Amino acid sequence: MVRSSLLYYYSQRRLAGSFRGFFFIPTTLALFTSFFILFYIYSTSNIFTHHNHHPSTSHFKPHPPFSTTPFIATTPHFVPVFNHNASESTKSPPTFQLGYGLGPQSQRGLPLPPQFSSKVCRECCVFYGSGKFENNDVFHDRDVFLEDYKEMNRSLKIYVYPHREDDPFANVLLPVESEPGGNYTSESYFKKVLMKSHFITKDPPEADLFFLPFSMARLWHDRRVGVGGIQDFIRDYIHNISHRYPYWNNTGGADHFYVACHSIGRSAMDKAPDEKFNAIQVVCSSSYFLTGYFAHKDACLPQIWPRKGNPPNLVSSKRKRLAFFAGGVNSPVRVKLLETWKNDSEIFVHHGRLKTPYADELLGSKFCLHVKGFEVNTARIGDSLYYGCVPVIIANYYDLPFADVLNWKSFSVVVTTLDIPLLKKILKDIISSNKYLMLQSNVLKVRKHFQWHSPPQDFDAFYMVMYELWLRRSSIKNTWVDSFRV
């Protein structure tokens, strides 16, 4: 009886052991599969995050630009191309392109929620003061930029839709003869210089881009049009050129661009959806928080007040004031700035008319504050750079000028609006003296990129805008080109 019980017991043990062995096999396979999947993800992520650069192709891959808001989870930026004006015979279904020849590095992620922005920005500012910059050069990649700049200068061709001097709207469509002036002079300078440049071609099939030459500022001041009629004017203009010429219909306007420094340019496209969603918008009001602006399809035009002569070169040791701002209190951000720092002895925030010359305040300050008003764009960044003052940019969701090329972290300080109460700590305690000297030295290096000249000078604002356009030229070879050549 005892023997039989022992035999039964050991048989059950062997049976249980066999079952345990059976379950061990799939467990082992699952662990092995998990390790294989992790290894695969790791290896393929290296493939997708390391790109080789081919400078002479149309797929230039610039470094990701530095923006005024922290970003996470970068994703490809796809832009729809619609063709509403084409005839039924030429219409094609919507297509999607990645960055219009910019390549996969030109991608933006989603902005952090506001409750996290301030914390991340403070961590960024600690990074400013730590001396751990990976790149203190004013360019993301100087060698790449210079090599591609030469190619742009040699090969870029632009066709401008022609208009006669007796056109009823010649004042809007043709460049100004006089010297441009005023707050929106960037728009006028660009068109005036472009029309006399070697980039212009009279042979449309060889054109990389097509320029829509209407002036938003002049439409705004024209009593026949005014603010209320701009949308109708743009809609009718697109309708006319799409029926008179074949170039717009071929791409739905994707290889067309217009230039506008006045903020009215954004809403002016509401009745011309093709232009808003397809054409390249080179605008001063470049905020990707607002509808209708697509970073990396569109580009930021710097708002620059025209000045004569060479910029001053006052060294940092003569700048006694910590920070300076003067301007109208026309936004909640400026109200907050004034309320926080209006009685401070080191940060001078002023509204209304200054008792001292504006230039003297810029020359006597280490940091100059760029604070959004009705729009994110003002001429204050250009002012700061011209007078050798390190710009402090307080404007969420601002796509900075020439950000595909320039390393803004090397010559400016960017904070969110939530960090206004922390300005003194950031500028005085977190940014070290050595870091400030580096920033100010780089300001003197980059300010030549924020000046207009007629005729243009190498690497000035005109050539930098042309380079941004060259990056955005369409990589699609138009099938109709050969049909125009006889």
Protein backbone atom coordinates (compact mmCIF):
# COMPACT_ATOMS: atom_id res chain seq x y z
CA MET A 1 0.00 0.00 0.00
CA VAL A 2 2.84 2.34 0.90
CA ARG A 3 4.73 1.37 -2.23
CA SER A 4 1.77 2.07 -4.46
CA SER A 5 1.26 5.45 -2.80
CA LEU A 6 4.89 6.36 -3.44
CA LEU A 7 4.62 5.28 -7.06
CA TYR A 8 1.53 7.43 -7.47
CA TYR A 9 3.26 10.41 -5.84
CA TYR A 10 6.35 10.23 -8.06
CA SER A 11 4.26 9.77 -11.18
CA GLN A 12 2.37 12.96 -10.34
CA ARG A 13 5.67 14.77 -9.76
CA ARG A 14 6.96 13.70 -13.18
CA LEU A 15 3.69 14.73 -14.79
CA ALA A 16 3.81 18.16 -13.13
CA GLY A 17 7.43 18.57 -14.19
CA SER A 18 6.55 17.78 -17.77
CA PHE A 19 3.81 20.43 -17.70
CA ARG A 20 6.22 22.97 -16.26
CA GLY A 21 8.64 22.15 -19.04
CA PHE A 22 5.86 22.60 -21.55
CA PHE A 23 5.00 26.08 -20.24
CA PHE A 24 8.67 27.07 -20.11
CA ILE A 25 8.98 26.83 -23.91
CA PRO A 26 6.47 29.59 -24.86
CA THR A 27 7.73 31.80 -22.04
CA THR A 28 11.25 31.53 -23.42
CA LEU A 29 9.99 32.26 -26.93
CA ALA A 30 8.07 35.33 -25.70
CA LEU A 31 11.13 36.74 -23.94
CA PHE A 32 13.30 36.11 -27.01
CA THR A 33 10.73 37.80 -29.25
CA SER A 34 10.55 40.82 -26.93
CA PHE A 35 14.32 41.24 -26.96
CA PHE A 36 14.33 40.94 -30.77
CA ILE A 37 11.62 43.61 -31.12
CA LEU A 38 13.49 46.00 -28.82
CA PHE A 39 16.70 45.45 -30.77
CA TYR A 40 14.89 46.05 -34.06
CA ILE A 41 13.33 49.31 -32.81
CA TYR A 42 16.71 50.53 -31.58
CA SER A 43 18.51 49.72 -34.82
CA THR A 44 15.85 51.19 -37.10
CA SER A 45 15.58 54.36 -35.02
CA ASN A 46 19.26 54.98 -35.74
CA ILE A 47 18.57 54.57 -39.41
CA PHE A 48 15.79 57.17 -39.39
CA THR A 49 17.54 59.72 -37.21
CA HIS A 50 20.90 59.91 -39.01
CA HIS A 51 20.73 61.59 -42.40
CA ASN A 52 23.40 62.16 -44.95
CA HIS A 53 23.58 65.53 -46.63
CA HIS A 54 23.79 65.90 -50.39
CA PRO A 55 24.34 69.61 -50.90
CA SER A 56 23.75 69.89 -54.61
CA THR A 57 20.36 68.21 -54.70
CA SER A 58 16.94 69.67 -54.26
CA HIS A 59 16.45 67.82 -50.97
CA PHE A 60 18.46 70.00 -48.63
CA LYS A 61 18.04 68.93 -45.01
CA PRO A 62 18.53 71.93 -42.73
CA HIS A 63 18.91 71.63 -39.00
CA PRO A 64 15.66 71.93 -37.06
CA PRO A 65 15.10 75.63 -36.37
CA PHE A 66 14.96 76.95 -32.84
CA SER A 67 11.50 78.18 -31.98
CA THR A 68 10.09 80.21 -29.16
CA THR A 69 8.16 77.31 -27.69
CA PRO A 70 9.50 73.92 -26.52
CA PHE A 71 8.48 70.99 -28.69
CA ILE A 72 8.01 67.28 -28.13
CA ALA A 73 7.27 64.21 -30.24
CA THR A 74 8.47 65.51 -33.59
CA THR A 75 6.36 64.33 -36.49
CA PRO A 76 6.59 64.87 -40.26
CA HIS A 77 5.00 68.09 -41.48
CA PHE A 78 2.81 67.17 -44.43
CA VAL A 79 1.24 69.93 -46.48
CA PRO A 80 -1.80 69.32 -48.67
CA VAL A 81 -1.73 70.59 -52.24
CA PHE A 82 -5.17 71.49 -53.55
CA ASN A 83 -6.04 72.58 -57.04
CA HIS A 84 -9.35 74.44 -57.15
CA ASN A 85 -8.80 76.75 -60.10
CA ALA A 86 -7.63 74.21 -62.63
CA SER A 87 -10.03 73.16 -65.33
CA GLU A 88 -11.70 69.76 -65.01
CA SER A 89 -9.34 68.29 -67.58
CA THR A 90 -6.26 69.33 -65.63
CA LYS A 91 -7.50 68.72 -62.09
CA SER A 92 -5.69 66.06 -60.16
CA PRO A 93 -6.44 64.58 -56.75
CA PRO A 94 -4.77 66.23 -53.76
CA THR A 95 -1.20 65.14 -53.20
CA PHE A 96 1.04 65.41 -50.16
CA GLN A 97 4.64 66.49 -49.98
CA LEU A 98 7.10 66.45 -47.12
CA GLY A 99 8.41 69.95 -46.56
CA TYR A 100 8.62 70.89 -50.26
CA GLY A 101 12.14 69.62 -50.70
CA LEU A 102 13.25 70.34 -47.14
CA GLY A 103 13.70 66.71 -46.11
CA PRO A 104 12.77 64.82 -42.96
CA GLN A 105 14.85 66.88 -40.55
CA SER A 106 12.56 69.86 -41.10
CA GLN A 107 9.83 68.63 -38.81
CA ARG A 108 7.94 70.24 -35.98
CA GLY A 109 6.31 68.57 -33.06
CA LEU A 110 3.41 69.61 -30.90
CA PRO A 111 3.72 72.48 -28.43
CA LEU A 112 3.80 71.61 -24.77
CA PRO A 113 0.72 72.51 -22.74
CA PRO A 114 1.02 75.99 -21.20
CA GLN A 115 1.36 74.63 -17.67
CA PHE A 116 4.62 72.94 -18.67
CA SER A 117 6.07 75.65 -20.91
CA SER A 118 7.45 77.81 -18.11
CA LYS A 119 9.24 74.92 -16.41
CA VAL A 120 10.80 73.73 -19.64
CA CYS A 121 11.88 77.27 -20.53
CA ARG A 122 13.57 77.69 -17.16
CA GLU A 123 15.42 74.44 -17.77
CA CYS A 124 16.42 75.84 -21.16
CA CYS A 125 17.72 78.97 -19.50
CA VAL A 126 19.75 76.88 -17.07
CA PHE A 127 21.18 75.31 -20.19
CA TYR A 128 22.08 78.82 -21.35
CA GLY A 129 24.07 79.52 -18.22
CA SER A 130 25.72 76.13 -17.90
CA GLY A 131 28.16 76.58 -20.77
CA LYS A 132 27.07 73.26 -22.29
CA PHE A 133 26.25 74.54 -25.76
CA GLU A 134 26.87 71.98 -28.44
CA ASN A 135 27.08 74.74 -31.01
CA ASN A 136 28.03 78.35 -30.31
CA ASP A 137 28.32 79.17 -34.01
CA VAL A 138 25.67 81.51 -35.42
CA PHE A 139 24.85 78.87 -38.08
CA HIS A 140 23.46 75.41 -37.55
CA ASP A 141 26.03 74.17 -40.04
CA ARG A 142 28.27 76.81 -41.57
CA ASP A 143 29.86 74.58 -44.22
CA VAL A 144 26.52 73.28 -45.46
CA PHE A 145 25.06 76.78 -45.61
CA LEU A 146 27.98 78.27 -47.54
CA GLU A 147 28.06 75.41 -50.02
CA ASP A 148 24.33 75.56 -50.70
CA TYR A 149 24.36 79.36 -50.75
CA LYS A 150 26.71 79.23 -53.72
CA GLU A 151 24.43 76.78 -55.50
CA MET A 152 21.40 78.96 -54.78
CA ASN A 153 23.17 82.03 -56.11
CA ARG A 154 24.10 80.18 -59.28
CA SER A 155 20.94 78.27 -60.13
CA LEU A 156 17.80 79.75 -58.56
CA LYS A 157 15.42 81.26 -61.13
CA ILE A 158 12.19 83.15 -60.47
CA TYR A 159 9.51 84.20 -62.91
CA VAL A 160 7.49 87.31 -62.03
CA TYR A 161 4.03 87.73 -63.51
CA PRO A 162 4.37 90.74 -65.84
CA HIS A 163 2.32 93.93 -65.52
CA ARG A 164 2.49 97.10 -67.58
CA GLU A 165 3.16 100.56 -66.20
CA ASP A 166 -0.28 101.71 -67.36
CA ASP A 167 -2.00 98.96 -65.39
CA PRO A 168 -4.71 100.51 -63.18
CA PHE A 169 -3.06 98.86 -60.18
CA ALA A 170 0.55 99.46 -61.19
CA ASN A 171 1.13 101.05 -57.78
CA VAL A 172 0.28 97.71 -56.18
CA LEU A 173 1.92 95.34 -58.66
CA LEU A 174 5.14 97.11 -59.68
CA PRO A 175 8.10 97.93 -57.42
CA VAL A 176 8.36 101.39 -55.91
CA GLU A 177 10.80 103.80 -57.55
CA SER A 178 11.57 105.76 -54.40
CA GLU A 179 13.57 104.54 -51.44
CA PRO A 180 11.32 102.28 -49.31
CA GLY A 181 10.52 103.46 -45.81
CA GLY A 182 8.26 102.78 -42.86
CA ASN A 183 7.49 99.83 -40.64
CA TYR A 184 6.70 97.44 -43.50
CA THR A 185 9.65 98.34 -45.68
CA SER A 186 10.87 94.73 -45.92
CA GLU A 187 8.09 93.97 -48.38
CA SER A 188 9.00 96.88 -50.67
CA TYR A 189 12.74 96.34 -50.44
CA PHE A 190 12.44 92.70 -51.41
CA LYS A 191 10.40 93.36 -54.55
CA LYS A 192 12.52 96.31 -55.64
CA VAL A 193 15.78 94.40 -55.29
CA LEU A 194 14.42 91.16 -56.75
CA MET A 195 13.29 92.81 -59.98
CA LYS A 196 16.85 93.99 -60.70
CA SER A 197 18.57 90.77 -59.63
CA HIS A 198 20.09 87.93 -61.62
CA PHE A 199 17.47 85.55 -60.19
CA ILE A 200 14.79 86.83 -62.57
CA THR A 201 14.03 84.79 -65.69
CA LYS A 202 11.73 85.64 -68.58
CA ASP A 203 11.56 81.95 -69.54
CA PRO A 204 8.85 80.38 -67.32
CA PRO A 205 9.86 76.74 -68.00
CA GLU A 206 13.26 77.31 -66.37
CA ALA A 207 11.75 78.97 -63.28
CA ASP A 208 11.98 77.25 -59.91
CA LEU A 209 9.40 79.60 -58.39
CA PHE A 210 6.76 82.10 -59.52
CA PHE A 211 6.38 85.44 -57.74
CA LEU A 212 2.97 87.03 -57.15
CA PRO A 213 4.01 90.69 -57.08
CA PHE A 214 1.08 92.39 -55.32
CA SER A 215 1.98 94.55 -52.32
CA MET A 216 -0.16 93.98 -49.24
CA ALA A 217 0.80 97.30 -47.66
CA ARG A 218 -0.09 99.24 -50.82
CA LEU A 219 -3.40 97.41 -51.16
CA TRP A 220 -4.15 98.40 -47.59
CA HIS A 221 -3.49 102.09 -48.34
CA ASP A 222 -5.24 102.11 -51.74
CA ARG A 223 -8.66 103.72 -51.27
CA ARG A 224 -10.06 101.71 -54.17
CA VAL A 225 -9.37 98.51 -52.21
CA GLY A 226 -8.84 99.15 -48.52
CA VAL A 227 -8.92 96.54 -45.78
CA GLY A 228 -12.40 95.35 -46.73
CA GLY A 229 -11.55 94.75 -50.39
CA ILE A 230 -8.17 93.00 -50.13
CA GLN A 231 -9.66 89.50 -49.99
CA ASP A 232 -11.68 90.11 -53.18
CA PHE A 233 -8.65 91.62 -54.93
CA ILE A 234 -6.46 88.58 -54.16
CA ARG A 235 -9.20 86.14 -55.16
CA ASP A 236 -9.71 87.91 -58.48
CA TYR A 237 -5.98 88.18 -59.11
CA ILE A 238 -5.47 84.42 -58.67
CA HIS A 239 -8.50 83.75 -60.86
CA ASN A 240 -7.09 85.95 -63.63
CA ILE A 241 -3.57 84.52 -63.72
CA SER A 242 -4.84 80.93 -63.48
CA HIS A 243 -6.91 81.48 -66.62
CA ARG A 244 -4.37 83.59 -68.51
CA TYR A 245 -1.28 81.49 -67.71
CA PRO A 246 -0.86 77.71 -67.23
CA TYR A 247 1.69 77.86 -64.42
CA TRP A 248 -0.62 78.16 -61.42
CA ASN A 249 -2.89 75.32 -62.53
CA ASN A 250 0.03 72.97 -63.03
CA THR A 251 0.77 72.73 -59.30
CA GLY A 252 -2.19 74.39 -57.68
CA GLY A 253 0.13 77.24 -56.77
CA ALA A 254 2.63 75.13 -54.83
CA ASP A 255 5.59 76.69 -56.66
CA HIS A 256 4.28 80.25 -56.23
CA PHE A 257 5.04 82.71 -53.45
CA TYR A 258 4.11 86.17 -52.26
CA VAL A 259 5.74 88.55 -49.76
CA ALA A 260 3.86 90.53 -47.11
CA CYS A 261 5.10 92.31 -44.04
CA HIS A 262 1.80 93.81 -42.97
CA SER A 263 -0.21 91.42 -40.80
CA ILE A 264 -3.28 92.01 -42.97
CA GLY A 265 -1.66 89.58 -45.40
CA ARG A 266 -2.77 86.58 -43.40
CA SER A 267 -6.52 87.29 -43.51
CA ALA A 268 -6.20 88.59 -47.09
CA MET A 269 -6.02 84.99 -48.31
CA ASP A 270 -9.32 83.86 -46.82
CA LYS A 271 -11.06 83.95 -50.21
CA ALA A 272 -8.10 82.38 -52.01
CA PRO A 273 -7.71 78.94 -50.37
CA ASP A 274 -5.26 77.75 -53.03
CA GLU A 275 -2.82 80.48 -52.10
CA LYS A 276 -3.19 80.07 -48.36
CA PHE A 277 -2.69 76.31 -48.33
CA ASN A 278 -0.43 75.78 -51.33
CA ALA A 279 1.63 78.86 -52.11
CA ILE A 280 4.67 79.86 -50.07
CA GLN A 281 3.82 82.76 -47.77
CA VAL A 282 6.87 84.90 -46.91
CA VAL A 283 5.38 86.98 -44.12
CA CYS A 284 6.42 88.99 -41.07
CA SER A 285 3.47 87.72 -39.02
CA SER A 286 4.90 84.19 -38.92
CA SER A 287 3.10 82.57 -36.02
CA TYR A 288 2.33 78.87 -36.37
CA PHE A 289 -0.19 79.23 -33.56
CA LEU A 290 -2.48 81.02 -36.02
CA THR A 291 -4.36 79.31 -38.82
CA GLY A 292 -3.02 79.58 -42.33
CA TYR A 293 0.71 79.61 -41.54
CA PHE A 294 2.59 76.36 -42.14
CA ALA A 295 6.12 76.32 -40.80
CA HIS A 296 8.64 75.16 -43.41
CA LYS A 297 6.24 75.62 -46.28
CA ASP A 298 5.98 79.28 -45.40
CA ALA A 299 8.85 81.48 -44.21
CA CYS A 300 9.39 84.35 -41.80
CA LEU A 301 10.27 87.70 -43.34
CA PRO A 302 12.21 89.88 -40.86
CA GLN A 303 10.57 93.21 -40.11
CA ILE A 304 13.40 95.74 -40.39
CA TRP A 305 13.33 99.51 -40.08
CA PRO A 306 15.58 100.96 -42.83
CA ARG A 307 18.71 102.79 -41.66
CA LYS A 308 21.56 104.44 -43.49
CA GLY A 309 25.24 103.88 -42.86
CA ASN A 310 27.13 101.27 -40.91
CA PRO A 311 25.70 100.03 -37.60
CA PRO A 312 27.34 101.23 -34.35
CA ASN A 313 29.77 99.02 -32.49
CA LEU A 314 29.37 99.88 -28.81
CA VAL A 315 31.08 97.25 -26.66
CA SER A 316 29.29 95.48 -23.83
CA SER A 317 31.27 97.23 -21.05
CA LYS A 318 29.44 100.53 -21.77
CA ARG A 319 25.99 98.96 -21.50
CA LYS A 320 24.88 99.80 -17.95
CA ARG A 321 21.19 98.87 -18.06
CA LEU A 322 20.21 95.20 -17.79
CA ALA A 323 17.17 95.24 -20.13
CA PHE A 324 15.01 97.70 -22.06
CA PHE A 325 11.60 97.85 -23.70
CA ALA A 326 9.56 100.75 -25.04
CA GLY A 327 6.32 100.56 -26.98
CA GLY A 328 2.56 100.74 -26.91
CA VAL A 329 0.69 98.63 -24.39
CA ASN A 330 -1.55 96.92 -26.94
CA SER A 331 -1.58 93.30 -25.78
CA PRO A 332 -2.06 91.34 -22.54
CA VAL A 333 1.60 90.29 -22.68
CA ARG A 334 2.79 93.90 -22.71
CA VAL A 335 0.38 94.77 -19.91
CA LYS A 336 1.88 91.98 -17.81
CA LEU A 337 5.41 93.12 -18.63
CA LEU A 338 4.63 96.70 -17.62
CA GLU A 339 2.87 95.70 -14.40
CA THR A 340 5.74 93.42 -13.37
CA TRP A 341 8.74 95.66 -14.11
CA LYS A 342 7.49 99.27 -14.35
CA ASN A 343 9.21 100.31 -11.09
CA ASP A 344 12.40 98.28 -11.46
CA SER A 345 15.80 99.99 -11.50
CA GLU A 346 17.55 97.45 -13.78
CA ILE A 347 14.83 96.50 -16.25
CA PHE A 348 13.48 99.64 -17.94
CA VAL A 349 9.98 99.11 -19.34
CA HIS A 350 8.35 102.20 -20.82
CA HIS A 351 5.15 103.03 -22.68
CA GLY A 352 4.40 106.26 -24.43
CA ARG A 353 6.96 108.76 -25.69
CA LEU A 354 10.54 108.37 -24.46
CA LYS A 355 12.36 111.34 -22.96
CA THR A 356 15.65 110.06 -24.37
CA PRO A 357 16.44 108.92 -27.95
CA TYR A 358 15.32 105.36 -28.68
CA ALA A 359 18.74 104.52 -30.14
CA ASP A 360 20.51 105.64 -26.93
CA GLU A 361 18.42 103.25 -24.86
CA LEU A 362 19.24 100.37 -27.19
CA LEU A 363 22.93 101.25 -27.12
CA GLY A 364 22.97 101.47 -23.33
CA SER A 365 21.24 98.15 -22.60
CA LYS A 366 22.65 94.63 -22.47
CA PHE A 367 19.34 92.97 -23.38
CA CYS A 368 16.47 94.37 -25.45
CA LEU A 369 13.00 92.87 -25.06
CA HIS A 370 10.90 91.76 -28.02
CA VAL A 371 7.31 91.51 -26.76
CA LYS A 372 4.35 90.81 -29.02
CA GLY A 373 1.72 93.44 -29.54
CA PHE A 374 -1.29 92.79 -31.77
CA GLU A 375 0.99 90.40 -33.68
CA VAL A 376 4.19 88.53 -32.82
CA ASN A 377 6.16 90.54 -35.37
CA THR A 378 7.70 93.92 -34.63
CA ALA A 379 10.87 95.62 -35.80
CA ARG A 380 12.44 95.29 -32.35
CA ILE A 381 14.53 92.22 -33.17
CA GLY A 382 16.10 94.09 -36.08
CA ASP A 383 16.53 97.16 -33.85
CA SER A 384 18.26 95.11 -31.14
CA LEU A 385 20.67 93.48 -33.55
CA TYR A 386 21.50 96.74 -35.31
CA TYR A 387 22.52 98.39 -32.04
CA GLY A 388 24.39 95.37 -30.68
CA CYS A 389 21.83 94.56 -27.97
CA VAL A 390 21.09 90.89 -27.25
CA PRO A 391 17.41 90.29 -28.13
CA VAL A 392 15.18 88.65 -25.55
CA ILE A 393 12.19 87.22 -27.39
CA ILE A 394 9.00 86.92 -25.35
CA ALA A 395 6.51 85.62 -27.88
CA ASN A 396 5.02 82.15 -27.89
CA TYR A 397 4.69 80.30 -31.19
CA TYR A 398 6.88 82.69 -33.18
CA ASP A 399 8.68 81.19 -36.16
CA LEU A 400 11.91 83.19 -36.07
CA PRO A 401 13.45 84.69 -39.23
CA PHE A 402 15.98 82.50 -41.07
CA ALA A 403 15.59 79.81 -38.40
CA ASP A 404 16.44 77.09 -40.93
CA VAL A 405 19.93 78.59 -41.15
CA LEU A 406 20.70 80.66 -38.05
CA ASN A 407 21.29 79.18 -34.61
CA TRP A 408 19.18 81.59 -32.54
CA LYS A 409 20.39 80.10 -29.27
CA SER A 410 23.84 81.50 -30.03
CA PHE A 411 22.81 85.18 -30.13
CA SER A 412 19.44 85.58 -28.39
CA VAL A 413 17.44 84.53 -25.33
CA VAL A 414 14.02 83.01 -25.90
CA VAL A 415 11.50 82.66 -23.09
CA THR A 416 7.76 82.11 -22.88
CA THR A 417 5.31 84.74 -21.73
CA LEU A 418 4.84 82.83 -18.47
CA ASP A 419 8.46 83.63 -17.59
CA ILE A 420 8.02 87.42 -17.49
CA PRO A 421 8.26 87.47 -13.64
CA LEU A 422 11.53 85.54 -13.89
CA LEU A 423 13.24 87.86 -16.38
CA LYS A 424 15.74 89.33 -13.93
CA LYS A 425 16.72 85.92 -12.57
CA ILE A 426 17.17 84.59 -16.10
CA LEU A 427 19.14 87.56 -17.44
CA LYS A 428 21.19 88.33 -14.35
CA ASP A 429 21.66 85.10 -12.41
CA ILE A 430 21.28 82.23 -14.85
CA ILE A 431 23.09 83.70 -17.87
CA SER A 432 26.71 84.02 -16.83
CA SER A 433 28.98 86.91 -17.80
CA ASN A 434 30.91 84.71 -20.21
CA LYS A 435 27.67 83.53 -21.79
CA TYR A 436 26.49 87.10 -22.26
CA LEU A 437 29.78 88.07 -23.93
CA MET A 438 29.35 85.16 -26.32
CA LEU A 439 25.76 86.17 -27.12
CA GLN A 440 26.69 89.80 -27.67
CA SER A 441 29.67 88.90 -29.84
CA ASN A 442 27.42 86.76 -32.04
CA VAL A 443 24.87 89.58 -32.29
CA LEU A 444 27.53 91.64 -34.06
CA LYS A 445 28.13 88.72 -36.44
CA VAL A 446 24.52 88.11 -37.47
CA ARG A 447 23.20 91.65 -37.82
CA LYS A 448 24.41 91.90 -41.41
CA HIS A 449 21.73 89.29 -42.24
CA PHE A 450 19.06 91.71 -40.98
CA GLN A 451 19.83 94.71 -43.19
CA TRP A 452 18.45 95.75 -46.59
CA HIS A 453 20.62 97.24 -49.30
CA SER A 454 19.91 98.43 -52.82
CA PRO A 455 21.73 96.99 -54.66
CA PRO A 456 21.92 93.99 -52.31
CA GLN A 457 25.08 92.87 -50.53
CA ASP A 458 26.12 89.28 -50.07
CA PHE A 459 24.42 87.56 -47.11
CA ASP A 460 22.13 90.55 -46.37
CA ALA A 461 18.39 90.23 -45.74
CA PHE A 462 17.56 89.91 -49.43
CA TYR A 463 19.95 87.03 -50.05
CA MET A 464 18.85 85.30 -46.84
CA VAL A 465 15.21 85.44 -47.97
CA MET A 466 16.25 84.09 -51.36
CA TYR A 467 18.05 81.25 -49.64
CA GLU A 468 14.92 80.40 -47.64
CA LEU A 469 12.97 80.33 -50.90
CA TRP A 470 15.61 78.12 -52.48
CA LEU A 471 15.13 75.63 -49.64
CA ARG A 472 11.40 75.62 -50.29
CA ARG A 473 11.43 75.26 -54.04
CA SER A 474 9.37 72.34 -55.20
CA SER A 475 11.24 69.09 -55.78
CA ILE A 476 8.66 67.95 -58.34
CA LYS A 477 9.86 68.14 -61.92
CA ASN A 478 6.98 69.62 -63.87
CA THR A 479 5.90 67.44 -66.73
CA TRP A 480 4.86 70.44 -68.77
CA VAL A 481 8.32 72.04 -68.99
CA ASP A 482 9.43 70.27 -72.12
CA SER A 483 6.21 71.08 -73.92
CA PHE A 484 7.07 74.80 -73.83
CA ARG A 485 10.46 74.31 -75.46
CA VAL A 486 10.34 74.34 -79.23
